[in-house]
């Protein structure tokens, strides 16, 4: 099973949103640079730092798309273990419960099952990534003024996927031989959001002890 997971984590196997960074564009080059650094064995803390002379919004955009792909894939590999019966509430243990709110169907925070929350979350993020007004792909089109605020919201909600997966489905991670891969993805994500202060420290509390252990 571990071999299969390595294969799906490979660059050519990873699920991606419909909209990609077009070859020849600056963001595509940044994406390639980020991937090359990640595979080079460099310390993850150094991998996430903004390359000299690059635009911070471009760098954040590239990573948000990549983290969405990877975290979506992580959850997808264990989705069969996360259902209405096993996870009737989107939670991170007994102390943390996450409610869903959006600008369409759920205008007030709603208590949902974990799989329902995850489905809404992934659709919501994919919609933003594919929205040219939020994640522009055309050369010369600037990011909106609230771009980093939008990314903070995306990354905060993606962190909650890690919380649920680690606390409620860690046995599934172990049984698939996926612990090393998930931990690496988590560390990469954690170092990135810390480098640019993109997620409130209070949101990180559910995984604080584990983070201190693996992100030393």
N, C-alpha and C. Protein backbone atom coordinates (compact mmCIF):
# COMPACT_ATOMS: atom_id res chain seq x y z
N UNK A 1 0.83 -1.22 0.00
CA UNK A 1 0.00 0.00 0.00
C UNK A 1 0.85 1.25 0.00
N UNK A 2 1.99 1.21 0.72
CA UNK A 2 2.85 2.38 0.77
C UNK A 2 3.37 2.74 -0.61
N UNK A 3 3.67 1.71 -1.42
CA UNK A 3 4.17 1.95 -2.77
C UNK A 3 3.11 2.67 -3.60
N UNK A 4 1.85 2.26 -3.45
CA UNK A 4 0.77 2.91 -4.19
C UNK A 4 0.65 4.38 -3.80
N UNK A 5 0.80 4.65 -2.51
CA UNK A 5 0.68 6.03 -2.06
C UNK A 5 1.82 6.87 -2.61
N UNK A 6 3.03 6.29 -2.66
CA UNK A 6 4.15 7.03 -3.24
C UNK A 6 3.85 7.39 -4.69
N UNK A 7 3.21 6.48 -5.39
CA UNK A 7 2.91 6.73 -6.80
C UNK A 7 1.90 7.86 -6.96
N UNK A 8 0.86 7.88 -6.11
CA UNK A 8 -0.13 8.94 -6.26
C UNK A 8 0.40 10.27 -5.79
N UNK A 9 1.43 10.25 -4.95
CA UNK A 9 2.03 11.52 -4.53
C UNK A 9 2.99 12.05 -5.59
N UNK A 10 3.35 11.22 -6.56
CA UNK A 10 4.25 11.66 -7.61
C UNK A 10 3.61 12.77 -8.42
N UNK A 11 4.43 13.62 -8.99
CA UNK A 11 3.95 14.83 -9.65
C UNK A 11 2.91 14.53 -10.74
N UNK A 12 3.14 13.47 -11.52
CA UNK A 12 2.25 13.21 -12.64
C UNK A 12 0.98 12.49 -12.22
N UNK A 13 0.89 12.09 -10.95
CA UNK A 13 -0.29 11.38 -10.49
C UNK A 13 -1.21 12.25 -9.65
N UNK A 14 -0.74 13.41 -9.22
CA UNK A 14 -1.48 14.21 -8.27
C UNK A 14 -2.68 14.89 -8.92
N UNK A 15 -3.84 14.79 -8.27
CA UNK A 15 -5.04 15.49 -8.75
C UNK A 15 -4.79 16.98 -8.72
N UNK A 16 -5.27 17.66 -9.76
CA UNK A 16 -5.14 19.12 -9.80
C UNK A 16 -6.47 19.75 -10.18
N UNK A 17 -6.69 20.98 -9.75
CA UNK A 17 -7.89 21.69 -10.20
C UNK A 17 -7.88 21.84 -11.71
N UNK A 18 -9.02 22.19 -12.25
CA UNK A 18 -9.10 22.31 -13.72
C UNK A 18 -8.15 23.37 -14.24
N UNK A 19 -8.00 24.45 -13.48
CA UNK A 19 -7.13 25.53 -13.92
C UNK A 19 -5.72 25.30 -13.40
N UNK A 20 -4.74 25.30 -14.26
CA UNK A 20 -3.36 25.09 -13.85
C UNK A 20 -2.55 26.33 -14.20
N UNK A 21 -1.34 26.36 -13.71
CA UNK A 21 -0.44 27.44 -14.10
C UNK A 21 0.06 27.15 -15.50
N UNK A 22 -0.17 28.06 -16.42
CA UNK A 22 0.16 27.82 -17.82
C UNK A 22 1.67 27.82 -18.03
N UNK A 23 2.20 26.83 -18.77
CA UNK A 23 3.62 26.81 -19.10
C UNK A 23 4.05 28.11 -19.75
N UNK A 24 5.22 28.59 -19.34
CA UNK A 24 5.74 29.84 -19.87
C UNK A 24 5.42 31.04 -19.03
N UNK A 25 4.51 30.89 -18.07
CA UNK A 25 4.18 32.00 -17.19
C UNK A 25 5.08 32.01 -15.97
N UNK A 26 5.15 33.16 -15.32
CA UNK A 26 5.98 33.30 -14.13
C UNK A 26 5.54 32.34 -13.03
N UNK A 27 4.23 32.19 -12.87
CA UNK A 27 3.74 31.32 -11.79
C UNK A 27 4.05 29.86 -12.06
N UNK A 28 4.04 29.47 -13.33
CA UNK A 28 4.44 28.10 -13.67
C UNK A 28 5.91 27.88 -13.34
N UNK A 29 6.74 28.87 -13.65
CA UNK A 29 8.16 28.76 -13.33
C UNK A 29 8.38 28.70 -11.82
N UNK A 30 7.61 29.50 -11.08
CA UNK A 30 7.71 29.46 -9.62
C UNK A 30 7.28 28.10 -9.09
N UNK A 31 6.22 27.54 -9.68
CA UNK A 31 5.75 26.22 -9.26
C UNK A 31 6.85 25.18 -9.48
N UNK A 32 7.48 25.23 -10.65
CA UNK A 32 8.56 24.27 -10.93
C UNK A 32 9.71 24.45 -9.95
N UNK A 33 10.02 25.71 -9.63
CA UNK A 33 11.11 25.99 -8.69
C UNK A 33 10.78 25.42 -7.30
N UNK A 34 9.55 25.62 -6.88
CA UNK A 34 9.12 25.13 -5.57
C UNK A 34 9.18 23.60 -5.53
N UNK A 35 8.72 22.96 -6.60
CA UNK A 35 8.74 21.50 -6.65
C UNK A 35 10.16 20.96 -6.67
N UNK A 36 11.03 21.61 -7.42
CA UNK A 36 12.42 21.17 -7.49
C UNK A 36 13.09 21.28 -6.13
N UNK A 37 12.83 22.37 -5.41
CA UNK A 37 13.41 22.54 -4.08
C UNK A 37 12.88 21.49 -3.12
N UNK A 38 11.59 21.18 -3.25
CA UNK A 38 10.97 20.21 -2.36
C UNK A 38 11.58 18.82 -2.56
N UNK A 39 11.90 18.49 -3.80
CA UNK A 39 12.44 17.16 -4.10
C UNK A 39 13.95 17.08 -3.91
N UNK A 40 14.59 18.21 -3.66
CA UNK A 40 16.05 18.23 -3.58
C UNK A 40 16.58 17.74 -2.24
N UNK A 41 15.68 17.59 -1.27
CA UNK A 41 16.11 17.17 0.05
C UNK A 41 16.51 18.31 0.95
N UNK A 42 16.27 19.55 0.49
CA UNK A 42 16.58 20.71 1.32
C UNK A 42 15.69 20.74 2.56
N UNK A 43 16.16 21.40 3.60
CA UNK A 43 15.36 21.58 4.79
C UNK A 43 14.07 22.31 4.43
N UNK A 44 12.93 21.81 4.92
CA UNK A 44 11.65 22.37 4.53
C UNK A 44 11.49 23.82 4.96
N UNK A 45 12.18 24.22 6.02
CA UNK A 45 12.10 25.62 6.43
C UNK A 45 12.68 26.54 5.37
N UNK A 46 13.74 26.10 4.73
CA UNK A 46 14.36 26.92 3.69
C UNK A 46 13.58 26.85 2.38
N UNK A 47 12.92 25.73 2.13
CA UNK A 47 12.15 25.55 0.90
C UNK A 47 11.01 26.55 0.79
N UNK A 48 10.40 26.90 1.92
CA UNK A 48 9.21 27.76 1.87
C UNK A 48 9.54 29.24 1.77
N UNK A 49 10.79 29.62 1.97
CA UNK A 49 11.14 31.05 1.95
C UNK A 49 10.97 31.65 0.56
N UNK A 50 10.55 32.89 0.52
CA UNK A 50 10.34 33.59 -0.75
C UNK A 50 11.67 33.73 -1.49
N UNK A 51 11.76 33.22 -2.71
CA UNK A 51 13.00 33.38 -3.48
C UNK A 51 13.29 34.86 -3.73
N UNK A 52 14.55 35.24 -3.75
CA UNK A 52 14.92 36.65 -3.96
C UNK A 52 14.31 37.19 -5.25
N UNK A 53 13.73 38.37 -5.14
CA UNK A 53 13.20 39.06 -6.32
C UNK A 53 11.82 38.61 -6.77
N UNK A 54 11.23 37.61 -6.08
CA UNK A 54 9.92 37.12 -6.49
C UNK A 54 8.79 37.85 -5.75
N UNK A 55 7.61 37.84 -6.36
CA UNK A 55 6.44 38.48 -5.77
C UNK A 55 5.79 37.55 -4.75
N UNK A 56 5.48 38.07 -3.57
CA UNK A 56 4.96 37.23 -2.50
C UNK A 56 3.59 36.64 -2.84
N UNK A 57 2.74 37.41 -3.54
CA UNK A 57 1.42 36.88 -3.89
C UNK A 57 1.54 35.72 -4.88
N UNK A 58 2.46 35.83 -5.82
CA UNK A 58 2.69 34.71 -6.74
C UNK A 58 3.12 33.46 -5.96
N UNK A 59 4.03 33.65 -5.02
CA UNK A 59 4.57 32.54 -4.23
C UNK A 59 3.47 31.89 -3.39
N UNK A 60 2.63 32.71 -2.79
CA UNK A 60 1.53 32.18 -1.99
C UNK A 60 0.53 31.45 -2.88
N UNK A 61 0.21 32.02 -4.03
CA UNK A 61 -0.76 31.39 -4.94
C UNK A 61 -0.30 30.00 -5.36
N UNK A 62 0.96 29.89 -5.73
CA UNK A 62 1.52 28.60 -6.15
C UNK A 62 1.37 27.57 -5.04
N UNK A 63 1.65 27.97 -3.82
CA UNK A 63 1.60 27.03 -2.70
C UNK A 63 0.17 26.68 -2.29
N UNK A 64 -0.74 27.64 -2.35
CA UNK A 64 -2.13 27.34 -2.01
C UNK A 64 -2.68 26.27 -2.96
N UNK A 65 -2.43 26.43 -4.24
CA UNK A 65 -2.90 25.44 -5.22
C UNK A 65 -2.27 24.08 -4.93
N UNK A 66 -0.98 24.06 -4.68
CA UNK A 66 -0.29 22.79 -4.43
C UNK A 66 -0.77 22.13 -3.14
N UNK A 67 -0.94 22.90 -2.08
CA UNK A 67 -1.42 22.33 -0.82
C UNK A 67 -2.84 21.80 -0.98
N UNK A 68 -3.66 22.51 -1.73
CA UNK A 68 -5.01 22.02 -1.97
C UNK A 68 -4.97 20.65 -2.65
N UNK A 69 -4.14 20.53 -3.67
CA UNK A 69 -4.01 19.25 -4.36
C UNK A 69 -3.60 18.14 -3.41
N UNK A 70 -2.58 18.40 -2.63
CA UNK A 70 -2.01 17.36 -1.78
C UNK A 70 -2.94 16.98 -0.63
N UNK A 71 -3.54 17.97 -0.01
CA UNK A 71 -4.42 17.69 1.13
C UNK A 71 -5.71 17.03 0.65
N UNK A 72 -6.20 17.45 -0.50
CA UNK A 72 -7.35 16.81 -1.11
C UNK A 72 -7.06 15.33 -1.36
N UNK A 73 -5.87 15.06 -1.83
CA UNK A 73 -5.46 13.69 -2.10
C UNK A 73 -5.32 12.88 -0.80
N UNK A 74 -4.72 13.48 0.22
CA UNK A 74 -4.58 12.79 1.51
C UNK A 74 -5.95 12.38 2.04
N UNK A 75 -6.88 13.33 2.03
CA UNK A 75 -8.21 13.00 2.54
C UNK A 75 -8.87 11.95 1.65
N UNK A 76 -8.67 12.07 0.34
CA UNK A 76 -9.29 11.12 -0.58
C UNK A 76 -8.83 9.70 -0.36
N UNK A 77 -7.58 9.51 0.07
CA UNK A 77 -7.06 8.15 0.27
C UNK A 77 -7.71 7.47 1.45
N UNK A 78 -8.30 8.24 2.36
CA UNK A 78 -8.93 7.62 3.54
C UNK A 78 -10.39 8.00 3.69
N UNK A 79 -10.98 8.53 2.62
CA UNK A 79 -12.37 8.98 2.70
C UNK A 79 -13.33 7.85 3.03
N UNK A 80 -12.99 6.62 2.63
CA UNK A 80 -13.88 5.48 2.91
C UNK A 80 -14.00 5.22 4.41
N UNK A 81 -13.02 5.69 5.18
CA UNK A 81 -13.06 5.52 6.63
C UNK A 81 -13.74 6.69 7.33
N UNK A 82 -14.09 7.71 6.56
CA UNK A 82 -14.72 8.92 7.12
C UNK A 82 -16.11 9.03 6.52
N UNK A 83 -17.11 8.63 7.27
CA UNK A 83 -18.48 8.62 6.75
C UNK A 83 -19.45 9.18 7.78
N UNK A 84 -20.72 9.21 7.40
CA UNK A 84 -21.74 9.80 8.27
C UNK A 84 -21.84 9.09 9.61
N UNK A 85 -21.53 7.80 9.62
CA UNK A 85 -21.62 7.01 10.86
C UNK A 85 -20.40 7.20 11.74
N UNK A 86 -19.22 7.10 11.12
CA UNK A 86 -17.97 7.20 11.90
C UNK A 86 -17.68 8.63 12.34
N UNK A 87 -18.08 9.60 11.51
CA UNK A 87 -17.75 11.00 11.77
C UNK A 87 -18.98 11.89 11.57
N UNK A 88 -19.97 11.77 12.46
CA UNK A 88 -21.20 12.55 12.29
C UNK A 88 -21.02 14.05 12.48
N UNK A 89 -19.88 14.44 13.04
CA UNK A 89 -19.57 15.86 13.26
C UNK A 89 -18.15 16.13 12.77
N UNK A 90 -17.95 17.26 12.10
CA UNK A 90 -16.62 17.66 11.69
C UNK A 90 -15.88 18.17 12.93
N UNK A 91 -14.96 17.35 13.44
CA UNK A 91 -14.34 17.66 14.71
C UNK A 91 -12.86 17.30 14.69
N UNK A 92 -12.19 17.79 15.73
CA UNK A 92 -10.80 17.43 15.99
C UNK A 92 -10.70 16.98 17.43
N UNK A 93 -11.23 15.79 17.71
CA UNK A 93 -11.29 15.32 19.08
C UNK A 93 -12.47 15.94 19.81
N UNK A 94 -12.59 15.69 21.12
CA UNK A 94 -13.75 16.18 21.88
C UNK A 94 -13.76 17.68 22.13
N UNK A 95 -12.61 18.33 21.99
CA UNK A 95 -12.52 19.75 22.34
C UNK A 95 -12.78 20.70 21.17
N UNK A 96 -12.68 20.20 19.95
CA UNK A 96 -12.77 21.10 18.79
C UNK A 96 -13.83 20.61 17.81
N UNK A 97 -14.73 21.51 17.47
CA UNK A 97 -15.76 21.23 16.47
C UNK A 97 -15.75 22.36 15.45
N UNK A 98 -15.81 21.98 14.17
CA UNK A 98 -15.78 22.97 13.10
C UNK A 98 -17.13 23.02 12.39
N UNK A 99 -17.67 24.21 12.28
CA UNK A 99 -18.95 24.39 11.60
C UNK A 99 -18.72 25.10 10.27
N UNK A 100 -19.58 24.79 9.32
CA UNK A 100 -19.41 25.33 7.96
C UNK A 100 -20.27 26.57 7.75
N UNK A 101 -19.65 27.55 7.09
CA UNK A 101 -20.36 28.76 6.72
C UNK A 101 -19.86 29.23 5.37
N UNK A 102 -20.76 29.64 4.52
CA UNK A 102 -20.36 30.19 3.22
C UNK A 102 -21.33 31.31 2.85
N UNK A 103 -21.21 31.81 1.64
CA UNK A 103 -22.03 32.94 1.22
C UNK A 103 -23.25 32.51 0.41
N UNK A 104 -23.47 31.20 0.34
CA UNK A 104 -24.58 30.70 -0.46
C UNK A 104 -25.60 29.96 0.40
N UNK A 105 -25.37 28.67 0.59
CA UNK A 105 -26.36 27.83 1.26
C UNK A 105 -26.32 27.97 2.79
N UNK A 106 -25.12 28.13 3.33
CA UNK A 106 -24.96 28.14 4.79
C UNK A 106 -24.47 29.52 5.24
N UNK A 107 -25.39 30.43 5.40
CA UNK A 107 -25.03 31.79 5.80
C UNK A 107 -24.75 31.90 7.29
N UNK A 108 -25.22 30.91 8.05
CA UNK A 108 -24.90 30.83 9.47
C UNK A 108 -24.12 29.55 9.71
N UNK A 109 -23.20 29.54 10.69
CA UNK A 109 -22.39 28.33 10.94
C UNK A 109 -23.29 27.11 11.16
N UNK A 110 -23.03 26.06 10.37
CA UNK A 110 -23.86 24.86 10.41
C UNK A 110 -23.06 23.66 10.88
N UNK A 111 -23.67 22.87 11.74
CA UNK A 111 -23.06 21.64 12.24
C UNK A 111 -23.27 20.54 11.20
N UNK A 112 -22.16 20.05 10.62
CA UNK A 112 -22.23 19.06 9.55
C UNK A 112 -21.36 17.85 9.88
N UNK A 113 -21.65 16.76 9.20
CA UNK A 113 -20.76 15.60 9.31
C UNK A 113 -19.42 15.93 8.66
N UNK A 114 -18.38 15.20 9.04
CA UNK A 114 -17.06 15.46 8.47
C UNK A 114 -17.05 15.28 6.95
N UNK A 115 -17.61 14.19 6.39
CA UNK A 115 -17.56 14.06 4.93
C UNK A 115 -18.32 15.16 4.20
N UNK A 116 -19.44 15.61 4.78
CA UNK A 116 -20.20 16.70 4.15
C UNK A 116 -19.38 18.00 4.20
N UNK A 117 -18.78 18.27 5.34
CA UNK A 117 -17.93 19.45 5.50
C UNK A 117 -16.78 19.40 4.49
N UNK A 118 -16.14 18.25 4.36
CA UNK A 118 -15.00 18.11 3.45
C UNK A 118 -15.42 18.35 2.01
N UNK A 119 -16.57 17.81 1.62
CA UNK A 119 -17.04 17.99 0.25
C UNK A 119 -17.30 19.46 -0.06
N UNK A 120 -17.95 20.14 0.86
CA UNK A 120 -18.21 21.57 0.67
C UNK A 120 -16.91 22.36 0.64
N UNK A 121 -15.97 21.99 1.50
CA UNK A 121 -14.69 22.69 1.57
C UNK A 121 -13.92 22.57 0.26
N UNK A 122 -13.80 21.34 -0.26
CA UNK A 122 -13.02 21.14 -1.48
C UNK A 122 -13.67 21.85 -2.67
N UNK A 123 -15.00 21.81 -2.73
CA UNK A 123 -15.70 22.51 -3.82
C UNK A 123 -15.50 24.03 -3.71
N UNK A 124 -15.56 24.53 -2.48
CA UNK A 124 -15.39 25.96 -2.25
C UNK A 124 -13.99 26.43 -2.65
N UNK A 125 -12.97 25.67 -2.26
CA UNK A 125 -11.60 26.05 -2.61
C UNK A 125 -11.38 25.95 -4.11
N UNK A 126 -11.86 24.89 -4.72
CA UNK A 126 -11.68 24.74 -6.16
C UNK A 126 -12.35 25.89 -6.91
N UNK A 127 -13.52 26.31 -6.41
CA UNK A 127 -14.19 27.44 -7.04
C UNK A 127 -13.36 28.72 -6.97
N UNK A 128 -12.73 28.96 -5.84
CA UNK A 128 -11.88 30.14 -5.69
C UNK A 128 -10.64 30.06 -6.59
N UNK A 129 -10.01 28.90 -6.61
CA UNK A 129 -8.80 28.73 -7.41
C UNK A 129 -9.09 28.93 -8.90
N UNK A 130 -10.28 28.54 -9.32
CA UNK A 130 -10.65 28.65 -10.72
C UNK A 130 -11.32 29.98 -11.06
N UNK A 131 -11.39 30.88 -10.10
CA UNK A 131 -11.99 32.20 -10.31
C UNK A 131 -10.89 33.18 -10.72
N UNK A 132 -10.96 33.67 -11.94
CA UNK A 132 -9.94 34.58 -12.46
C UNK A 132 -9.86 35.88 -11.67
N UNK A 133 -10.94 36.25 -11.00
CA UNK A 133 -10.92 37.47 -10.21
C UNK A 133 -10.16 37.29 -8.90
N UNK A 134 -9.97 36.05 -8.48
CA UNK A 134 -9.27 35.76 -7.22
C UNK A 134 -7.87 35.23 -7.49
N UNK A 135 -7.76 34.26 -8.39
CA UNK A 135 -6.47 33.67 -8.77
C UNK A 135 -6.25 33.92 -10.27
N UNK A 136 -5.89 35.15 -10.65
CA UNK A 136 -5.72 35.45 -12.07
C UNK A 136 -4.53 34.69 -12.66
N UNK A 137 -4.70 34.24 -13.89
CA UNK A 137 -3.61 33.52 -14.57
C UNK A 137 -3.04 34.31 -15.74
N UNK A 138 -3.76 35.33 -16.20
CA UNK A 138 -3.27 36.09 -17.36
C UNK A 138 -2.12 37.00 -16.96
N UNK A 139 -1.15 37.09 -17.81
CA UNK A 139 0.02 37.93 -17.56
C UNK A 139 -0.39 39.38 -17.42
N UNK A 140 0.11 40.02 -16.39
CA UNK A 140 -0.17 41.44 -16.18
C UNK A 140 -1.41 41.72 -15.37
N UNK A 141 -2.21 40.69 -15.07
CA UNK A 141 -3.42 40.88 -14.26
C UNK A 141 -3.04 40.73 -12.79
N UNK A 142 -3.24 41.77 -11.98
CA UNK A 142 -2.82 41.71 -10.58
C UNK A 142 -3.77 40.89 -9.72
N UNK A 143 -3.28 40.46 -8.58
CA UNK A 143 -4.13 39.79 -7.60
C UNK A 143 -5.03 40.84 -6.94
N UNK A 144 -6.19 40.42 -6.45
CA UNK A 144 -7.06 41.38 -5.75
C UNK A 144 -6.41 41.84 -4.44
N UNK A 145 -6.85 42.99 -3.94
CA UNK A 145 -6.24 43.56 -2.73
C UNK A 145 -6.42 42.65 -1.52
N UNK A 146 -7.49 41.87 -1.50
CA UNK A 146 -7.75 40.99 -0.35
C UNK A 146 -7.23 39.57 -0.57
N UNK A 147 -6.30 39.41 -1.51
CA UNK A 147 -5.84 38.06 -1.89
C UNK A 147 -5.29 37.29 -0.70
N UNK A 148 -4.42 37.90 0.08
CA UNK A 148 -3.83 37.18 1.20
C UNK A 148 -4.88 36.84 2.26
N UNK A 149 -5.89 37.67 2.42
CA UNK A 149 -6.97 37.36 3.35
C UNK A 149 -7.74 36.12 2.88
N UNK A 150 -7.99 36.05 1.58
CA UNK A 150 -8.66 34.88 1.01
C UNK A 150 -7.81 33.63 1.25
N UNK A 151 -6.51 33.74 1.01
CA UNK A 151 -5.62 32.60 1.19
C UNK A 151 -5.54 32.17 2.64
N UNK A 152 -5.59 33.14 3.55
CA UNK A 152 -5.61 32.81 4.98
C UNK A 152 -6.83 31.96 5.30
N UNK A 153 -7.97 32.32 4.75
CA UNK A 153 -9.18 31.55 5.00
C UNK A 153 -9.08 30.15 4.41
N UNK A 154 -8.54 30.05 3.20
CA UNK A 154 -8.36 28.74 2.56
C UNK A 154 -7.43 27.87 3.39
N UNK A 155 -6.28 28.41 3.77
CA UNK A 155 -5.28 27.63 4.50
C UNK A 155 -5.76 27.27 5.90
N UNK A 156 -6.51 28.15 6.53
CA UNK A 156 -7.07 27.85 7.84
C UNK A 156 -8.00 26.65 7.76
N UNK A 157 -8.83 26.64 6.74
CA UNK A 157 -9.77 25.52 6.60
C UNK A 157 -9.05 24.24 6.17
N UNK A 158 -8.00 24.36 5.37
CA UNK A 158 -7.21 23.17 5.01
C UNK A 158 -6.50 22.60 6.24
N UNK A 159 -6.08 23.46 7.14
CA UNK A 159 -5.46 22.96 8.37
C UNK A 159 -6.43 22.07 9.14
N UNK A 160 -7.70 22.40 9.10
CA UNK A 160 -8.70 21.61 9.81
C UNK A 160 -8.81 20.20 9.25
N UNK A 161 -8.48 20.04 7.97
CA UNK A 161 -8.45 18.69 7.38
C UNK A 161 -7.35 17.88 8.06
N UNK A 162 -6.17 18.48 8.23
CA UNK A 162 -5.10 17.80 8.96
C UNK A 162 -5.55 17.43 10.37
N UNK A 163 -6.20 18.36 11.05
CA UNK A 163 -6.66 18.11 12.42
C UNK A 163 -7.56 16.88 12.45
N UNK A 164 -8.54 16.83 11.57
CA UNK A 164 -9.48 15.71 11.56
C UNK A 164 -8.78 14.40 11.19
N UNK A 165 -7.95 14.45 10.18
CA UNK A 165 -7.27 13.24 9.71
C UNK A 165 -6.34 12.69 10.79
N UNK A 166 -5.54 13.55 11.39
CA UNK A 166 -4.59 13.07 12.40
C UNK A 166 -5.30 12.55 13.65
N UNK A 167 -6.33 13.25 14.09
CA UNK A 167 -6.96 12.87 15.36
C UNK A 167 -7.94 11.72 15.19
N UNK A 168 -8.66 11.67 14.07
CA UNK A 168 -9.71 10.67 13.92
C UNK A 168 -9.34 9.51 12.99
N UNK A 169 -8.32 9.68 12.17
CA UNK A 169 -8.02 8.64 11.18
C UNK A 169 -6.54 8.26 11.14
N UNK A 170 -5.86 8.47 12.26
CA UNK A 170 -4.43 8.16 12.26
C UNK A 170 -4.17 6.67 12.04
N UNK A 171 -5.07 5.83 12.54
CA UNK A 171 -4.92 4.38 12.32
C UNK A 171 -4.94 4.05 10.84
N UNK A 172 -5.78 4.76 10.08
CA UNK A 172 -5.83 4.53 8.63
C UNK A 172 -4.54 4.98 7.96
N UNK A 173 -3.98 6.10 8.43
CA UNK A 173 -2.69 6.57 7.91
C UNK A 173 -1.63 5.50 8.10
N UNK A 174 -1.59 4.93 9.31
CA UNK A 174 -0.60 3.90 9.63
C UNK A 174 -0.83 2.63 8.80
N UNK A 175 -2.07 2.22 8.68
CA UNK A 175 -2.36 0.97 7.97
C UNK A 175 -2.01 1.06 6.49
N UNK A 176 -2.04 2.26 5.93
CA UNK A 176 -1.68 2.45 4.52
C UNK A 176 -0.19 2.69 4.33
N UNK A 177 0.55 2.75 5.43
CA UNK A 177 1.98 3.05 5.31
C UNK A 177 2.22 4.47 4.87
N UNK A 178 1.28 5.37 5.22
CA UNK A 178 1.31 6.74 4.70
C UNK A 178 1.85 7.75 5.70
N UNK A 179 2.25 7.32 6.88
CA UNK A 179 2.61 8.28 7.92
C UNK A 179 3.72 9.23 7.48
N UNK A 180 4.78 8.71 6.88
CA UNK A 180 5.90 9.57 6.48
C UNK A 180 5.47 10.60 5.45
N UNK A 181 4.64 10.20 4.49
CA UNK A 181 4.19 11.12 3.44
C UNK A 181 3.28 12.21 4.00
N UNK A 182 2.35 11.80 4.87
CA UNK A 182 1.43 12.78 5.46
C UNK A 182 2.20 13.74 6.36
N UNK A 183 3.14 13.21 7.14
CA UNK A 183 3.95 14.06 8.02
C UNK A 183 4.76 15.07 7.23
N UNK A 184 5.33 14.64 6.12
CA UNK A 184 6.11 15.56 5.29
C UNK A 184 5.23 16.66 4.72
N UNK A 185 4.05 16.29 4.25
CA UNK A 185 3.12 17.29 3.73
C UNK A 185 2.72 18.25 4.83
N UNK A 186 2.46 17.71 6.02
CA UNK A 186 2.07 18.57 7.13
C UNK A 186 3.19 19.54 7.49
N UNK A 187 4.41 19.04 7.59
CA UNK A 187 5.54 19.91 7.95
C UNK A 187 5.74 21.01 6.91
N UNK A 188 5.64 20.65 5.63
CA UNK A 188 5.77 21.63 4.56
C UNK A 188 4.70 22.72 4.71
N UNK A 189 3.46 22.29 4.94
CA UNK A 189 2.34 23.20 5.13
C UNK A 189 2.58 24.08 6.36
N UNK A 190 2.97 23.47 7.46
CA UNK A 190 3.15 24.19 8.72
C UNK A 190 4.25 25.24 8.60
N UNK A 191 5.40 24.88 8.03
CA UNK A 191 6.49 25.83 7.88
C UNK A 191 6.09 26.99 6.97
N UNK A 192 5.28 26.69 5.95
CA UNK A 192 4.86 27.75 5.03
C UNK A 192 3.93 28.74 5.73
N UNK A 193 2.92 28.26 6.42
CA UNK A 193 1.98 29.19 7.06
C UNK A 193 2.66 29.96 8.19
N UNK A 194 3.67 29.38 8.81
CA UNK A 194 4.41 30.08 9.85
C UNK A 194 5.33 31.15 9.25
N UNK A 195 5.94 30.82 8.13
CA UNK A 195 6.86 31.75 7.48
C UNK A 195 6.15 33.06 7.11
N UNK A 196 4.90 32.95 6.69
CA UNK A 196 4.18 34.14 6.22
C UNK A 196 3.01 34.52 7.13
N UNK A 197 2.94 33.92 8.31
CA UNK A 197 1.90 34.24 9.32
C UNK A 197 0.51 34.21 8.70
N UNK A 198 0.19 33.10 8.07
CA UNK A 198 -1.05 33.00 7.31
C UNK A 198 -2.20 32.34 8.06
N UNK A 199 -1.92 31.72 9.19
CA UNK A 199 -2.98 31.08 9.98
C UNK A 199 -2.81 31.50 11.43
N UNK A 200 -3.92 31.91 12.05
CA UNK A 200 -3.90 32.34 13.44
C UNK A 200 -3.39 31.20 14.34
N UNK A 201 -2.56 31.53 15.30
CA UNK A 201 -1.96 30.54 16.19
C UNK A 201 -3.02 29.74 16.96
N UNK A 202 -4.16 30.35 17.24
CA UNK A 202 -5.21 29.63 17.96
C UNK A 202 -5.75 28.47 17.15
N UNK A 203 -5.75 28.61 15.82
CA UNK A 203 -6.22 27.52 14.96
C UNK A 203 -5.28 26.31 15.01
N UNK A 204 -4.03 26.55 15.36
CA UNK A 204 -3.02 25.48 15.35
C UNK A 204 -3.02 24.67 16.64
N UNK A 205 -3.76 25.11 17.62
CA UNK A 205 -3.72 24.50 18.95
C UNK A 205 -4.08 23.01 18.97
N UNK A 206 -5.05 22.52 18.19
CA UNK A 206 -5.39 21.10 18.26
C UNK A 206 -4.23 20.15 17.97
N UNK A 207 -3.27 20.59 17.16
CA UNK A 207 -2.13 19.73 16.80
C UNK A 207 -0.82 20.25 17.41
N UNK A 208 -0.92 21.08 18.42
CA UNK A 208 0.27 21.72 18.98
C UNK A 208 1.29 20.70 19.48
N UNK A 209 0.87 19.72 20.26
CA UNK A 209 1.82 18.75 20.81
C UNK A 209 2.48 17.94 19.71
N UNK A 210 1.70 17.50 18.73
CA UNK A 210 2.28 16.74 17.62
C UNK A 210 3.23 17.62 16.82
N UNK A 211 2.85 18.86 16.60
CA UNK A 211 3.69 19.78 15.83
C UNK A 211 5.03 19.99 16.52
N UNK A 212 5.01 20.17 17.82
CA UNK A 212 6.25 20.34 18.58
C UNK A 212 7.14 19.12 18.46
N UNK A 213 6.53 17.97 18.30
CA UNK A 213 7.30 16.72 18.22
C UNK A 213 7.92 16.52 16.83
N UNK A 214 7.16 16.82 15.75
CA UNK A 214 7.68 16.51 14.42
C UNK A 214 8.24 17.71 13.68
N UNK A 215 7.94 18.92 14.15
CA UNK A 215 8.44 20.12 13.46
C UNK A 215 9.47 20.83 14.34
N UNK A 216 10.41 20.08 14.83
CA UNK A 216 11.43 20.66 15.72
C UNK A 216 12.59 21.24 14.93
